[in-house]
Amino acid sequence: MQGKRLLERVSAVADLASRSMPGLPVLELTGENRVLIENHQGVTGYSDVMICVKVQYGCLEINGCQLSLAYMSDEKLIITGMIHEIKLLHRG
């Protein structure tokens, strides 16, 4: 019984951790060809090998090849192409 209760508590904590805080960026990487970024603050750099996206506490730099902005709204953007790396650059 105690093992089951512990598992239930761990599951509850994990569920809370997976929920995002309002305004914080959320990234969803699908394979190596698509990244969804929620709660962004705009694109600050753009080429077919690097896209830089401003977020609340810095910048996300997506590097790869044949990158493109497939979709962009005030809240979400989708980048497609061959994604090689994603860097978080803190400001200050």
PDB file of N, CA and C in Angstrom:
ATOM      1  N   MET A   1       0.805  -1.206   0.000  1.00  0.00           N
ATOM      2  CA  MET A   1       0.000   0.000   0.000  1.00  0.00           C
ATOM      3  C   MET A   1       0.852   1.275   0.000  1.00  0.00           C
ATOM      4  N   GLN A   2       1.928   1.312   0.804  1.00  0.00           N
ATOM      5  CA  GLN A   2       2.747   2.515   0.861  1.00  0.00           C
ATOM      6  C   GLN A   2       3.416   2.787  -0.475  1.00  0.00           C
ATOM      7  N   GLY A   3       3.815   1.752  -1.180  1.00  0.00           N
ATOM      8  CA  GLY A   3       4.426   1.919  -2.498  1.00  0.00           C
ATOM      9  C   GLY A   3       3.461   2.566  -3.468  1.00  0.00           C
ATOM     10  N   LYS A   4       2.193   2.187  -3.389  1.00  0.00           N
ATOM     11  CA  LYS A   4       1.175   2.759  -4.265  1.00  0.00           C
ATOM     12  C   LYS A   4       0.966   4.232  -3.947  1.00  0.00           C
ATOM     13  N   ARG A   5       0.934   4.582  -2.674  1.00  0.00           N
ATOM     14  CA  ARG A   5       0.756   5.983  -2.270  1.00  0.00           C
ATOM     15  C   ARG A   5       1.935   6.832  -2.733  1.00  0.00           C
ATOM     16  N   LEU A   6       3.136   6.295  -2.597  1.00  0.00           N
ATOM     17  CA  LEU A   6       4.321   7.018  -3.044  1.00  0.00           C
ATOM     18  C   LEU A   6       4.258   7.255  -4.548  1.00  0.00           C
ATOM     19  N   LEU A   7       3.869   6.236  -5.280  1.00  0.00           N
ATOM     20  CA  LEU A   7       3.739   6.360  -6.731  1.00  0.00           C
ATOM     21  C   LEU A   7       2.690   7.412  -7.098  1.00  0.00           C
ATOM     22  N   GLU A   8       1.588   7.457  -6.366  1.00  0.00           N
ATOM     23  CA  GLU A   8       0.554   8.467  -6.619  1.00  0.00           C
ATOM     24  C   GLU A   8       1.088   9.870  -6.353  1.00  0.00           C
ATOM     25  N   ARG A   9       1.867  10.048  -5.288  1.00  0.00           N
ATOM     26  CA  ARG A   9       2.439  11.363  -4.978  1.00  0.00           C
ATOM     27  C   ARG A   9       3.458  11.800  -6.027  1.00  0.00           C
ATOM     28  N   VAL A  10       4.304  10.883  -6.442  1.00  0.00           N
ATOM     29  CA  VAL A  10       5.295  11.200  -7.469  1.00  0.00           C
ATOM     30  C   VAL A  10       4.587  11.570  -8.766  1.00  0.00           C
ATOM     31  N   SER A  11       3.535  10.855  -9.093  1.00  0.00           N
ATOM     32  CA  SER A  11       2.769  11.149 -10.302  1.00  0.00           C
ATOM     33  C   SER A  11       2.133  12.535 -10.220  1.00  0.00           C
ATOM     34  N   ALA A  12       1.610  12.898  -9.069  1.00  0.00           N
ATOM     35  CA  ALA A  12       0.985  14.218  -8.895  1.00  0.00           C
ATOM     36  C   ALA A  12       2.021  15.328  -9.048  1.00  0.00           C
ATOM     37  N   VAL A  13       3.214  15.150  -8.483  1.00  0.00           N
ATOM     38  CA  VAL A  13       4.276  16.154  -8.602  1.00  0.00           C
ATOM     39  C   VAL A  13       4.733  16.264 -10.052  1.00  0.00           C
ATOM     40  N   ALA A  14       4.880  15.163 -10.734  1.00  0.00           N
ATOM     41  CA  ALA A  14       5.291  15.177 -12.132  1.00  0.00           C
ATOM     42  C   ALA A  14       4.258  15.885 -12.993  1.00  0.00           C
ATOM     43  N   ASP A  15       2.990  15.698 -12.691  1.00  0.00           N
ATOM     44  CA  ASP A  15       1.929  16.370 -13.444  1.00  0.00           C
ATOM     45  C   ASP A  15       2.002  17.871 -13.238  1.00  0.00           C
ATOM     46  N   LEU A  16       2.266  18.319 -12.027  1.00  0.00           N
ATOM     47  CA  LEU A  16       2.395  19.755 -11.764  1.00  0.00           C
ATOM     48  C   LEU A  16       3.606  20.325 -12.485  1.00  0.00           C
ATOM     49  N   ALA A  17       4.700  19.588 -12.506  1.00  0.00           N
ATOM     50  CA  ALA A  17       5.918  20.073 -13.148  1.00  0.00           C
ATOM     51  C   ALA A  17       5.744  20.191 -14.655  1.00  0.00           C
ATOM     52  N   SER A  18       4.867  19.380 -15.243  1.00  0.00           N
ATOM     53  CA  SER A  18       4.701  19.420 -16.690  1.00  0.00           C
ATOM     54  C   SER A  18       3.810  20.563 -17.145  1.00  0.00           C
ATOM     55  N   ARG A  19       3.087  21.177 -16.245  1.00  0.00           N
ATOM     56  CA  ARG A  19       2.249  22.324 -16.588  1.00  0.00           C
ATOM     57  C   ARG A  19       3.092  23.583 -16.600  1.00  0.00           C
ATOM     58  N   SER A  20       2.892  24.401 -17.616  1.00  0.00           N
ATOM     59  CA  SER A  20       3.733  25.592 -17.736  1.00  0.00           C
ATOM     60  C   SER A  20       3.196  26.732 -16.892  1.00  0.00           C
ATOM     61  N   MET A  21       4.107  27.592 -16.488  1.00  0.00           N
ATOM     62  CA  MET A  21       3.741  28.808 -15.785  1.00  0.00           C
ATOM     63  C   MET A  21       3.362  29.843 -16.834  1.00  0.00           C
ATOM     64  N   PRO A  22       2.377  30.681 -16.557  1.00  0.00           N
ATOM     65  CA  PRO A  22       1.967  31.693 -17.541  1.00  0.00           C
ATOM     66  C   PRO A  22       3.129  32.575 -17.961  1.00  0.00           C
ATOM     67  N   GLY A  23       3.275  32.767 -19.262  1.00  0.00           N
ATOM     68  CA  GLY A  23       4.306  33.639 -19.793  1.00  0.00           C
ATOM     69  C   GLY A  23       5.647  32.989 -20.051  1.00  0.00           C
ATOM     70  N   LEU A  24       5.907  31.839 -19.447  1.00  0.00           N
ATOM     71  CA  LEU A  24       7.184  31.170 -19.678  1.00  0.00           C
ATOM     72  C   LEU A  24       7.147  30.441 -21.011  1.00  0.00           C
ATOM     73  N   PRO A  25       8.273  30.407 -21.716  1.00  0.00           N
ATOM     74  CA  PRO A  25       8.296  29.731 -23.015  1.00  0.00           C
ATOM     75  C   PRO A  25       8.131  28.224 -22.860  1.00  0.00           C
ATOM     76  N   VAL A  26       7.465  27.627 -23.833  1.00  0.00           N
ATOM     77  CA  VAL A  26       7.284  26.179 -23.895  1.00  0.00           C
ATOM     78  C   VAL A  26       7.802  25.723 -25.246  1.00  0.00           C
ATOM     79  N   LEU A  27       8.691  24.733 -25.259  1.00  0.00           N
ATOM     80  CA  LEU A  27       9.247  24.193 -26.497  1.00  0.00           C
ATOM     81  C   LEU A  27       8.765  22.766 -26.672  1.00  0.00           C
ATOM     82  N   GLU A  28       8.408  22.453 -27.892  1.00  0.00           N
ATOM     83  CA  GLU A  28       8.041  21.077 -28.219  1.00  0.00           C
ATOM     84  C   GLU A  28       8.801  20.685 -29.476  1.00  0.00           C
ATOM     85  N   LEU A  29       9.742  19.776 -29.330  1.00  0.00           N
ATOM     86  CA  LEU A  29      10.557  19.321 -30.443  1.00  0.00           C
ATOM     87  C   LEU A  29       9.964  18.031 -30.977  1.00  0.00           C
ATOM     88  N   THR A  30       9.678  18.004 -32.267  1.00  0.00           N
ATOM     89  CA  THR A  30       9.140  16.816 -32.907  1.00  0.00           C
ATOM     90  C   THR A  30      10.204  16.272 -33.846  1.00  0.00           C
ATOM     91  N   GLY A  31      10.818  15.180 -33.451  1.00  0.00           N
ATOM     92  CA  GLY A  31      11.907  14.617 -34.247  1.00  0.00           C
ATOM     93  C   GLY A  31      13.036  15.615 -34.374  1.00  0.00           C
ATOM     94  N   GLU A  32      13.608  15.688 -35.564  1.00  0.00           N
ATOM     95  CA  GLU A  32      14.694  16.645 -35.804  1.00  0.00           C
ATOM     96  C   GLU A  32      14.293  17.677 -36.847  1.00  0.00           C
ATOM     97  N   ASN A  33      12.990  17.736 -37.160  1.00  0.00           N
ATOM     98  CA  ASN A  33      12.540  18.588 -38.261  1.00  0.00           C
ATOM     99  C   ASN A  33      11.510  19.646 -37.884  1.00  0.00           C
ATOM    100  N   ARG A  34      11.108  19.728 -36.620  1.00  0.00           N
ATOM    101  CA  ARG A  34      10.052  20.686 -36.268  1.00  0.00           C
ATOM    102  C   ARG A  34      10.169  21.062 -34.801  1.00  0.00           C
ATOM    103  N   VAL A  35      10.083  22.367 -34.524  1.00  0.00           N
ATOM    104  CA  VAL A  35      10.035  22.835 -33.142  1.00  0.00           C
ATOM    105  C   VAL A  35       8.902  23.855 -33.023  1.00  0.00           C
ATOM    106  N   LEU A  36       8.091  23.680 -32.001  1.00  0.00           N
ATOM    107  CA  LEU A  36       7.008  24.603 -31.667  1.00  0.00           C
ATOM    108  C   LEU A  36       7.457  25.386 -30.439  1.00  0.00           C
ATOM    109  N   ILE A  37       7.347  26.707 -30.501  1.00  0.00           N
ATOM    110  CA  ILE A  37       7.684  27.557 -29.362  1.00  0.00           C
ATOM    111  C   ILE A  37       6.460  28.375 -29.009  1.00  0.00           C
ATOM    112  N   GLU A  38       6.007  28.248 -27.769  1.00  0.00           N
ATOM    113  CA  GLU A  38       4.873  29.018 -27.271  1.00  0.00           C
ATOM    114  C   GLU A  38       5.383  30.112 -26.344  1.00  0.00           C
ATOM    115  N   ASN A  39       4.629  31.181 -26.235  1.00  0.00           N
ATOM    116  CA  ASN A  39       4.943  32.324 -25.365  1.00  0.00           C
ATOM    117  C   ASN A  39       6.241  33.017 -25.768  1.00  0.00           C
ATOM    118  N   HIS A  40       6.446  33.185 -27.057  1.00  0.00           N
ATOM    119  CA  HIS A  40       7.623  33.900 -27.553  1.00  0.00           C
ATOM    120  C   HIS A  40       7.350  35.402 -27.568  1.00  0.00           C
ATOM    121  N   GLN A  41       8.412  36.176 -27.783  1.00  0.00           N
ATOM    122  CA  GLN A  41       8.292  37.626 -27.843  1.00  0.00           C
ATOM    123  C   GLN A  41       8.841  38.179 -29.151  1.00  0.00           C
ATOM    124  N   GLY A  42       8.842  37.340 -30.179  1.00  0.00           N
ATOM    125  CA  GLY A  42       9.263  37.791 -31.497  1.00  0.00           C
ATOM    126  C   GLY A  42      10.543  37.144 -31.981  1.00  0.00           C
ATOM    127  N   VAL A  43      10.779  37.279 -33.268  1.00  0.00           N
ATOM    128  CA  VAL A  43      11.979  36.751 -33.912  1.00  0.00           C
ATOM    129  C   VAL A  43      12.992  37.887 -34.030  1.00  0.00           C
ATOM    130  N   THR A  44      14.209  37.649 -33.558  1.00  0.00           N
ATOM    131  CA  THR A  44      15.235  38.695 -33.589  1.00  0.00           C
ATOM    132  C   THR A  44      16.330  38.416 -34.613  1.00  0.00           C
ATOM    133  N   GLY A  45      16.386  37.216 -35.133  1.00  0.00           N
ATOM    134  CA  GLY A  45      17.359  36.864 -36.161  1.00  0.00           C
ATOM    135  C   GLY A  45      16.800  35.754 -37.020  1.00  0.00           C
ATOM    136  N   TYR A  46      17.077  35.823 -38.340  1.00  0.00           N
ATOM    137  CA  TYR A  46      16.470  34.837 -39.228  1.00  0.00           C
ATOM    138  C   TYR A  46      17.351  34.578 -40.442  1.00  0.00           C
ATOM    139  N   SER A  47      17.705  33.335 -40.646  1.00  0.00           N
ATOM    140  CA  SER A  47      18.357  32.890 -41.880  1.00  0.00           C
ATOM    141  C   SER A  47      17.991  31.422 -42.057  1.00  0.00           C
ATOM    142  N   ASP A  48      18.481  30.810 -43.128  1.00  0.00           N
ATOM    143  CA  ASP A  48      18.140  29.407 -43.342  1.00  0.00           C
ATOM    144  C   ASP A  48      18.986  28.458 -42.487  1.00  0.00           C
ATOM    145  N   VAL A  49      19.957  29.003 -41.725  1.00  0.00           N
ATOM    146  CA  VAL A  49      20.777  28.173 -40.839  1.00  0.00           C
ATOM    147  C   VAL A  49      20.644  28.545 -39.353  1.00  0.00           C
ATOM    148  N   MET A  50      19.998  29.680 -39.046  1.00  0.00           N
ATOM    149  CA  MET A  50      19.834  30.110 -37.659  1.00  0.00           C
ATOM    150  C   MET A  50      18.593  30.974 -37.521  1.00  0.00           C
ATOM    151  N   ILE A  51      17.781  30.673 -36.522  1.00  0.00           N
ATOM    152  CA  ILE A  51      16.635  31.514 -36.174  1.00  0.00           C
ATOM    153  C   ILE A  51      16.732  31.800 -34.681  1.00  0.00           C
ATOM    154  N   CYS A  52      16.672  33.073 -34.317  1.00  0.00           N
ATOM    155  CA  CYS A  52      16.750  33.492 -32.926  1.00  0.00           C
ATOM    156  C   CYS A  52      15.388  34.027 -32.496  1.00  0.00           C
ATOM    157  N   VAL A  53      14.877  33.501 -31.397  1.00  0.00           N
ATOM    158  CA  VAL A  53      13.545  33.845 -30.907  1.00  0.00           C
ATOM    159  C   VAL A  53      13.670  34.419 -29.506  1.00  0.00           C
ATOM    160  N   LYS A  54      13.152  35.623 -29.304  1.00  0.00           N
ATOM    161  CA  LYS A  54      13.193  36.266 -27.992  1.00  0.00           C
ATOM    162  C   LYS A  54      12.151  35.612 -27.087  1.00  0.00           C
ATOM    163  N   VAL A  55      12.583  35.314 -25.855  1.00  0.00           N
ATOM    164  CA  VAL A  55      11.689  34.782 -24.829  1.00  0.00           C
ATOM    165  C   VAL A  55      11.848  35.621 -23.568  1.00  0.00           C
ATOM    166  N   GLN A  56      11.069  35.332 -22.564  1.00  0.00           N
ATOM    167  CA  GLN A  56      10.996  36.162 -21.366  1.00  0.00           C
ATOM    168  C   GLN A  56      12.359  36.435 -20.731  1.00  0.00           C
ATOM    169  N   TYR A  57      13.256  35.472 -20.700  1.00  0.00           N
ATOM    170  CA  TYR A  57      14.516  35.646 -19.978  1.00  0.00           C
ATOM    171  C   TYR A  57      15.754  35.547 -20.867  1.00  0.00           C
ATOM    172  N   GLY A  58      15.562  35.745 -22.177  1.00  0.00           N
ATOM    173  CA  GLY A  58      16.709  35.697 -23.066  1.00  0.00           C
ATOM    174  C   GLY A  58      16.308  35.399 -24.498  1.00  0.00           C
ATOM    175  N   CYS A  59      17.062  34.498 -25.111  1.00  0.00           N
ATOM    176  CA  CYS A  59      16.838  34.184 -26.515  1.00  0.00           C
ATOM    177  C   CYS A  59      17.038  32.690 -26.745  1.00  0.00           C
ATOM    178  N   LEU A  60      16.211  32.123 -27.586  1.00  0.00           N
ATOM    179  CA  LEU A  60      16.404  30.751 -28.042  1.00  0.00           C
ATOM    180  C   LEU A  60      17.026  30.818 -29.423  1.00  0.00           C
ATOM    181  N   GLU A  61      18.153  30.169 -29.598  1.00  0.00           N
ATOM    182  CA  GLU A  61      18.821  30.138 -30.891  1.00  0.00           C
ATOM    183  C   GLU A  61      18.686  28.731 -31.460  1.00  0.00           C
ATOM    184  N   ILE A  62      18.006  28.631 -32.592  1.00  0.00           N
ATOM    185  CA  ILE A  62      17.812  27.349 -33.256  1.00  0.00           C
ATOM    186  C   ILE A  62      18.761  27.315 -34.447  1.00  0.00           C
ATOM    187  N   ASN A  63      19.645  26.323 -34.479  1.00  0.00           N
ATOM    188  CA  ASN A  63      20.629  26.177 -35.550  1.00  0.00           C
ATOM    189  C   ASN A  63      20.353  24.908 -36.340  1.00  0.00           C
ATOM    190  N   GLY A  64      20.612  24.968 -37.642  1.00  0.00           N
ATOM    191  CA  GLY A  64      20.409  23.811 -38.498  1.00  0.00           C
ATOM    192  C   GLY A  64      20.609  24.184 -39.946  1.00  0.00           C
ATOM    193  N   CYS A  65      19.851  23.548 -40.828  1.00  0.00           N
ATOM    194  CA  CYS A  65      19.907  23.898 -42.241  1.00  0.00           C
ATOM    195  C   CYS A  65      18.499  23.827 -42.827  1.00  0.00           C
ATOM    196  N   GLN A  66      18.290  24.625 -43.845  1.00  0.00           N
ATOM    197  CA  GLN A  66      16.984  24.749 -44.501  1.00  0.00           C
ATOM    198  C   GLN A  66      15.885  25.094 -43.500  1.00  0.00           C
ATOM    199  N   LEU A  67      16.220  25.961 -42.518  1.00  0.00           N
ATOM    200  CA  LEU A  67      15.239  26.375 -41.507  1.00  0.00           C
ATOM    201  C   LEU A  67      14.279  27.388 -42.103  1.00  0.00           C
ATOM    202  N   SER A  68      13.035  27.293 -41.680  1.00  0.00           N
ATOM    203  CA  SER A  68      12.047  28.284 -42.093  1.00  0.00           C
ATOM    204  C   SER A  68      10.977  28.412 -41.015  1.00  0.00           C
ATOM    205  N   LEU A  69      10.355  29.576 -41.004  1.00  0.00           N
ATOM    206  CA  LEU A  69       9.227  29.822 -40.112  1.00  0.00           C
ATOM    207  C   LEU A  69       7.978  29.316 -40.828  1.00  0.00           C
ATOM    208  N   ALA A  70       7.471  28.181 -40.400  1.00  0.00           N
ATOM    209  CA  ALA A  70       6.306  27.595 -41.047  1.00  0.00           C
ATOM    210  C   ALA A  70       5.014  28.254 -40.586  1.00  0.00           C
ATOM    211  N   TYR A  71       5.009  28.774 -39.335  1.00  0.00           N
ATOM    212  CA  TYR A  71       3.806  29.397 -38.775  1.00  0.00           C
ATOM    213  C   TYR A  71       4.238  30.353 -37.680  1.00  0.00           C
ATOM    214  N   MET A  72       3.532  31.494 -37.586  1.00  0.00           N
ATOM    215  CA  MET A  72       3.820  32.436 -36.502  1.00  0.00           C
ATOM    216  C   MET A  72       2.566  33.212 -36.155  1.00  0.00           C
ATOM    217  N   SER A  73       2.263  33.259 -34.849  1.00  0.00           N
ATOM    218  CA  SER A  73       1.190  34.099 -34.322  1.00  0.00           C
ATOM    219  C   SER A  73       1.765  34.850 -33.123  1.00  0.00           C
ATOM    220  N   ASP A  74       0.933  35.617 -32.443  1.00  0.00           N
ATOM    221  CA  ASP A  74       1.399  36.357 -31.267  1.00  0.00           C
ATOM    222  C   ASP A  74       1.881  35.423 -30.156  1.00  0.00           C
ATOM    223  N   GLU A  75       1.343  34.208 -30.095  1.00  0.00           N
ATOM    224  CA  GLU A  75       1.669  33.296 -29.003  1.00  0.00           C
ATOM    225  C   GLU A  75       2.563  32.129 -29.399  1.00  0.00           C
ATOM    226  N   LYS A  76       2.440  31.660 -30.646  1.00  0.00           N
ATOM    227  CA  LYS A  76       3.136  30.450 -31.065  1.00  0.00           C
ATOM    228  C   LYS A  76       3.895  30.674 -32.356  1.00  0.00           C
ATOM    229  N   LEU A  77       4.969  29.883 -32.515  1.00  0.00           N
ATOM    230  CA  LEU A  77       5.618  29.812 -33.820  1.00  0.00           C
ATOM    231  C   LEU A  77       6.137  28.406 -34.026  1.00  0.00           C
ATOM    232  N   ILE A  78       6.213  28.028 -35.303  1.00  0.00           N
ATOM    233  CA  ILE A  78       6.706  26.710 -35.672  1.00  0.00           C
ATOM    234  C   ILE A  78       7.868  26.899 -36.640  1.00  0.00           C
ATOM    235  N   ILE A  79       8.976  26.273 -36.320  1.00  0.00           N
ATOM    236  CA  ILE A  79      10.164  26.292 -37.169  1.00  0.00           C
ATOM    237  C   ILE A  79      10.346  24.886 -37.727  1.00  0.00           C
ATOM    238  N   THR A  80      10.555  24.810 -39.041  1.00  0.00           N
ATOM    239  CA  THR A  80      10.801  23.519 -39.676  1.00  0.00           C
ATOM    240  C   THR A  80      12.153  23.544 -40.379  1.00  0.00           C
ATOM    241  N   GLY A  81      12.662  22.386 -40.687  1.00  0.00           N
ATOM    242  CA  GLY A  81      13.958  22.218 -41.331  1.00  0.00           C
ATOM    243  C   GLY A  81      14.753  21.191 -40.554  1.00  0.00           C
ATOM    244  N   MET A  82      16.006  21.028 -40.900  1.00  0.00           N
ATOM    245  CA  MET A  82      16.868  20.093 -40.184  1.00  0.00           C
ATOM    246  C   MET A  82      17.450  20.807 -38.971  1.00  0.00           C
ATOM    247  N   ILE A  83      16.959  20.484 -37.786  1.00  0.00           N
ATOM    248  CA  ILE A  83      17.368  21.159 -36.554  1.00  0.00           C
ATOM    249  C   ILE A  83      18.566  20.419 -35.958  1.00  0.00           C
ATOM    250  N   HIS A  84      19.672  21.138 -35.801  1.00  0.00           N
ATOM    251  CA  HIS A  84      20.898  20.549 -35.256  1.00  0.00           C
ATOM    252  C   HIS A  84      21.065  20.840 -33.769  1.00  0.00           C
ATOM    253  N   GLU A  85      20.687  22.050 -33.356  1.00  0.00           N
ATOM    254  CA  GLU A  85      20.821  22.376 -31.937  1.00  0.00           C
ATOM    255  C   GLU A  85      19.893  23.514 -31.566  1.00  0.00           C
ATOM    256  N   ILE A  86      19.540  23.543 -30.280  1.00  0.00           N
ATOM    257  CA  ILE A  86      18.746  24.628 -29.702  1.00  0.00           C
ATOM    258  C   ILE A  86      19.511  25.129 -28.499  1.00  0.00           C
ATOM    259  N   LYS A  87      19.818  26.423 -28.477  1.00  0.00           N
ATOM    260  CA  LYS A  87      20.562  27.031 -27.372  1.00  0.00           C
ATOM    261  C   LYS A  87      19.662  28.017 -26.652  1.00  0.00           C
ATOM    262  N   LEU A  88      19.815  28.062 -25.332  1.00  0.00           N
ATOM    263  CA  LEU A  88      19.167  29.082 -24.531  1.00  0.00           C
ATOM    264  C   LEU A  88      20.237  30.066 -24.109  1.00  0.00           C
ATOM    265  N   LEU A  89      20.096  31.317 -24.568  1.00  0.00           N
ATOM    266  CA  LEU A  89      21.039  32.373 -24.243  1.00  0.00           C
ATOM    267  C   LEU A  89      20.373  33.306 -23.236  1.00  0.00           C
ATOM    268  N   HIS A  90      20.815  33.254 -21.982  1.00  0.00           N
ATOM    269  CA  HIS A  90      20.256  34.114 -20.945  1.00  0.00           C
ATOM    270  C   HIS A  90      20.749  35.531 -21.136  1.00  0.00           C
ATOM    271  N   ARG A  91      19.886  36.499 -20.897  1.00  0.00           N
ATOM    272  CA  ARG A  91      20.341  37.889 -20.966  1.00  0.00           C
ATOM    273  C   ARG A  91      20.852  38.305 -19.598  1.00  0.00           C
ATOM    274  N   GLY A  92      21.791  39.252 -19.644  1.00  0.00           N
ATOM    275  CA  GLY A  92      22.347  39.809 -18.418  1.00  0.00           C
ATOM    276  C   GLY A  92      23.162  38.805 -17.706  1.00  0.00           C
TER     277      GLY A  92
END
